[in-house]
């Protein structure tokens, strides 16, 4: 038999969260998931050759990611929807917006060399970031990253804005 969902009330008593609180928690998760939509739009902009639009969408994705965790903690979303793993959702969206979309943007905009060298330069961050995102000790208890946090979106931004040469990109 499934037990009803309960959360700690203000006096330490167990209470079931209202449907409104659960809906609000779901909206926070939807806000996080909107990053996947932004990643898709970044990829579309990259494929269409609209680098500036892709960079602006990347900035919006960065703002969403910079605020969604705070909202989830502020509204105690994990208590209201304990069966839904918001951290996993955040990791999936982060991989798309911080790694996959930026690598595709660098590839389509010609900042990576053509041929096997460019493919290797694009694939290495994808693989390294897969490893980083799967580490259970990737973040401290106070949400700071251990090691390189896979912010390839920032790297891509600087490569594009400063028009770095492929040799410099290879060194990075």
Protein backbone atom coordinates (compact mmCIF):
# COMPACT_ATOMS: atom_id res chain seq x y z
CA UNK A 1 0.00 0.00 0.00
CA UNK A 2 1.31 3.45 -0.95
CA UNK A 3 1.71 5.83 1.97
CA UNK A 4 0.31 9.34 1.51
CA UNK A 5 2.89 12.05 0.92
CA UNK A 6 3.72 13.91 4.10
CA UNK A 7 5.98 16.84 4.93
CA UNK A 8 7.07 18.45 8.18
CA UNK A 9 4.76 21.22 9.30
CA UNK A 10 5.77 24.33 11.22
CA UNK A 11 5.39 22.62 14.60
CA UNK A 12 7.30 19.52 13.47
CA UNK A 13 4.12 17.59 12.77
CA UNK A 14 3.67 15.55 9.62
CA UNK A 15 1.29 17.04 7.09
CA UNK A 16 0.35 16.29 3.51
CA UNK A 17 1.30 19.15 1.19
CA UNK A 18 -1.62 20.80 -0.53
CA UNK A 19 -2.16 20.32 -4.22
CA UNK A 20 -1.24 24.00 -4.67
CA UNK A 21 2.13 23.48 -3.00
CA UNK A 22 2.75 20.42 -5.14
CA UNK A 23 1.75 22.34 -8.26
CA UNK A 24 4.11 25.15 -7.27
CA UNK A 25 6.92 22.63 -6.82
CA UNK A 26 6.15 21.20 -10.24
CA UNK A 27 6.37 24.71 -11.73
CA UNK A 28 9.89 25.05 -10.31
CA UNK A 29 10.81 21.74 -11.97
CA UNK A 30 9.23 22.98 -15.20
CA UNK A 31 11.35 26.12 -14.92
CA UNK A 32 14.46 23.92 -14.66
CA UNK A 33 13.27 21.81 -17.60
CA UNK A 34 12.85 24.96 -19.69
CA UNK A 35 16.63 24.83 -19.99
CA UNK A 36 16.23 21.80 -22.27
CA UNK A 37 14.03 23.92 -24.54
CA UNK A 38 16.70 26.62 -24.48
CA UNK A 39 19.35 24.03 -25.38
CA UNK A 40 17.24 22.96 -28.35
CA UNK A 41 16.88 26.58 -29.46
CA UNK A 42 20.65 27.09 -29.10
CA UNK A 43 21.23 24.06 -31.33
CA UNK A 44 18.72 25.38 -33.89
CA UNK A 45 20.39 28.80 -33.90
CA UNK A 46 23.80 27.14 -34.32
CA UNK A 47 22.59 25.01 -37.23
CA UNK A 48 21.05 28.09 -38.86
CA UNK A 49 24.33 29.99 -38.43
CA UNK A 50 22.88 32.54 -36.03
CA UNK A 51 25.77 32.64 -33.56
CA UNK A 52 24.62 35.81 -31.81
CA UNK A 53 21.18 34.35 -31.13
CA UNK A 54 22.78 31.16 -29.81
CA UNK A 55 24.95 33.19 -27.42
CA UNK A 56 21.96 35.17 -26.13
CA UNK A 57 19.97 31.97 -25.61
CA UNK A 58 22.97 30.56 -23.76
CA UNK A 59 22.88 33.59 -21.46
CA UNK A 60 19.19 32.99 -20.75
CA UNK A 61 19.98 29.32 -20.01
CA UNK A 62 22.71 30.46 -17.63
CA UNK A 63 20.24 32.72 -15.81
CA UNK A 64 17.70 29.91 -15.52
CA UNK A 65 20.32 27.55 -14.14
CA UNK A 66 21.60 30.22 -11.77
CA UNK A 67 18.17 30.66 -10.21
CA UNK A 68 16.39 27.31 -10.39
CA UNK A 69 18.34 25.66 -7.58
CA UNK A 70 17.75 28.63 -5.31
CA UNK A 71 14.02 28.47 -6.07
CA UNK A 72 13.94 24.73 -5.41
CA UNK A 73 15.66 25.15 -2.04
CA UNK A 74 13.65 28.25 -1.12
CA UNK A 75 10.33 26.52 -1.74
CA UNK A 76 11.54 23.15 -0.42
CA UNK A 77 10.53 21.44 -3.64
CA UNK A 78 12.12 18.11 -2.72
CA UNK A 79 9.80 17.88 0.31
CA UNK A 80 6.72 18.55 -1.77
CA UNK A 81 7.63 16.17 -4.61
CA UNK A 82 10.02 13.66 -3.01
CA UNK A 83 9.50 11.14 -5.80
CA UNK A 84 10.94 13.53 -8.41
CA UNK A 85 14.72 13.99 -8.59
CA UNK A 86 15.26 17.65 -9.42
CA UNK A 87 19.03 17.29 -9.17
CA UNK A 88 19.02 14.69 -11.93
CA UNK A 89 16.85 16.95 -14.08
CA UNK A 90 19.26 19.82 -13.43
CA UNK A 91 22.25 17.67 -14.42
CA UNK A 92 20.58 16.62 -17.68
CA UNK A 93 19.70 20.20 -18.57
CA UNK A 94 23.15 21.44 -17.55
CA UNK A 95 24.81 18.88 -19.80
CA UNK A 96 22.70 20.03 -22.73
CA UNK A 97 23.19 23.77 -22.17
CA UNK A 98 26.73 23.80 -20.76
CA UNK A 99 28.33 21.10 -22.89
CA UNK A 100 26.42 19.68 -25.85
CA UNK A 101 24.95 22.88 -27.32
CA UNK A 102 28.20 24.89 -26.94
CA UNK A 103 30.26 22.17 -28.63
CA UNK A 104 27.77 22.04 -31.50
CA UNK A 105 27.89 25.85 -31.72
CA UNK A 106 31.69 25.82 -31.94
CA UNK A 107 31.54 23.09 -34.59
CA UNK A 108 28.88 24.72 -36.79
CA UNK A 109 30.39 28.21 -36.55
CA UNK A 110 33.79 27.03 -37.76
CA UNK A 111 35.78 27.54 -34.58
CA UNK A 112 36.85 23.91 -34.54
CA UNK A 113 39.00 22.58 -37.36
CA UNK A 114 37.35 20.55 -40.08
CA UNK A 115 38.00 16.84 -40.17
CA UNK A 116 39.02 14.39 -37.46
CA UNK A 117 40.88 16.98 -35.38
CA UNK A 118 37.75 19.08 -34.97
CA UNK A 119 35.66 16.06 -34.11
CA UNK A 120 38.17 15.06 -31.44
CA UNK A 121 38.19 18.59 -30.01
CA UNK A 122 34.38 18.51 -29.85
CA UNK A 123 34.09 14.99 -28.46
CA UNK A 124 36.66 15.25 -25.65
CA UNK A 125 34.64 17.80 -23.63
CA UNK A 126 31.48 15.76 -24.27
CA UNK A 127 33.07 12.63 -22.80
CA UNK A 128 34.88 14.40 -19.96
CA UNK A 129 31.67 16.13 -18.97
CA UNK A 130 29.73 12.85 -19.02
CA UNK A 131 32.23 11.60 -16.46
CA UNK A 132 32.00 14.80 -14.39
CA UNK A 133 28.20 14.84 -14.33
CA UNK A 134 28.08 11.21 -13.19
CA UNK A 135 30.37 11.70 -10.21
CA UNK A 136 28.47 11.49 -6.94
CA UNK A 137 31.06 13.74 -5.31
CA UNK A 138 30.96 16.43 -8.03
CA UNK A 139 29.47 19.02 -5.65
CA UNK A 140 29.99 19.84 -2.01
CA UNK A 141 27.09 19.94 0.45
CA UNK A 142 26.89 23.72 -0.04
CA UNK A 143 26.57 23.26 -3.85
CA UNK A 144 30.10 24.18 -4.94
CA UNK A 145 31.80 22.14 -7.67
CA UNK A 146 34.82 19.96 -7.04
CA UNK A 147 37.11 19.94 -10.05
CA UNK A 148 36.27 21.54 -13.39
CA UNK A 149 32.49 22.11 -13.49
CA UNK A 150 32.02 21.56 -17.25
CA UNK A 151 31.26 25.18 -18.09
CA UNK A 152 31.99 24.78 -21.78
CA UNK A 153 29.33 27.39 -22.54
CA UNK A 154 31.60 30.03 -20.97
CA UNK A 155 34.61 28.68 -22.87
CA UNK A 156 32.62 28.77 -26.13
CA UNK A 157 31.49 32.33 -25.40
CA UNK A 158 35.07 33.56 -25.03
CA UNK A 159 36.27 31.60 -28.06
CA UNK A 160 33.58 33.23 -30.20
CA UNK A 161 33.75 36.75 -28.76
CA UNK A 162 37.56 36.91 -28.94
CA UNK A 163 37.68 34.93 -32.21
CA UNK A 164 40.38 32.63 -30.88
CA UNK A 165 42.48 30.66 -33.33
CA UNK A 166 42.07 26.87 -33.61
CA UNK A 167 45.55 26.37 -32.10
CA UNK A 168 44.49 28.32 -29.00
CA UNK A 169 41.25 26.37 -28.85
CA UNK A 170 43.20 23.11 -29.00
CA UNK A 171 45.30 24.24 -26.04
CA UNK A 172 42.20 25.10 -24.01
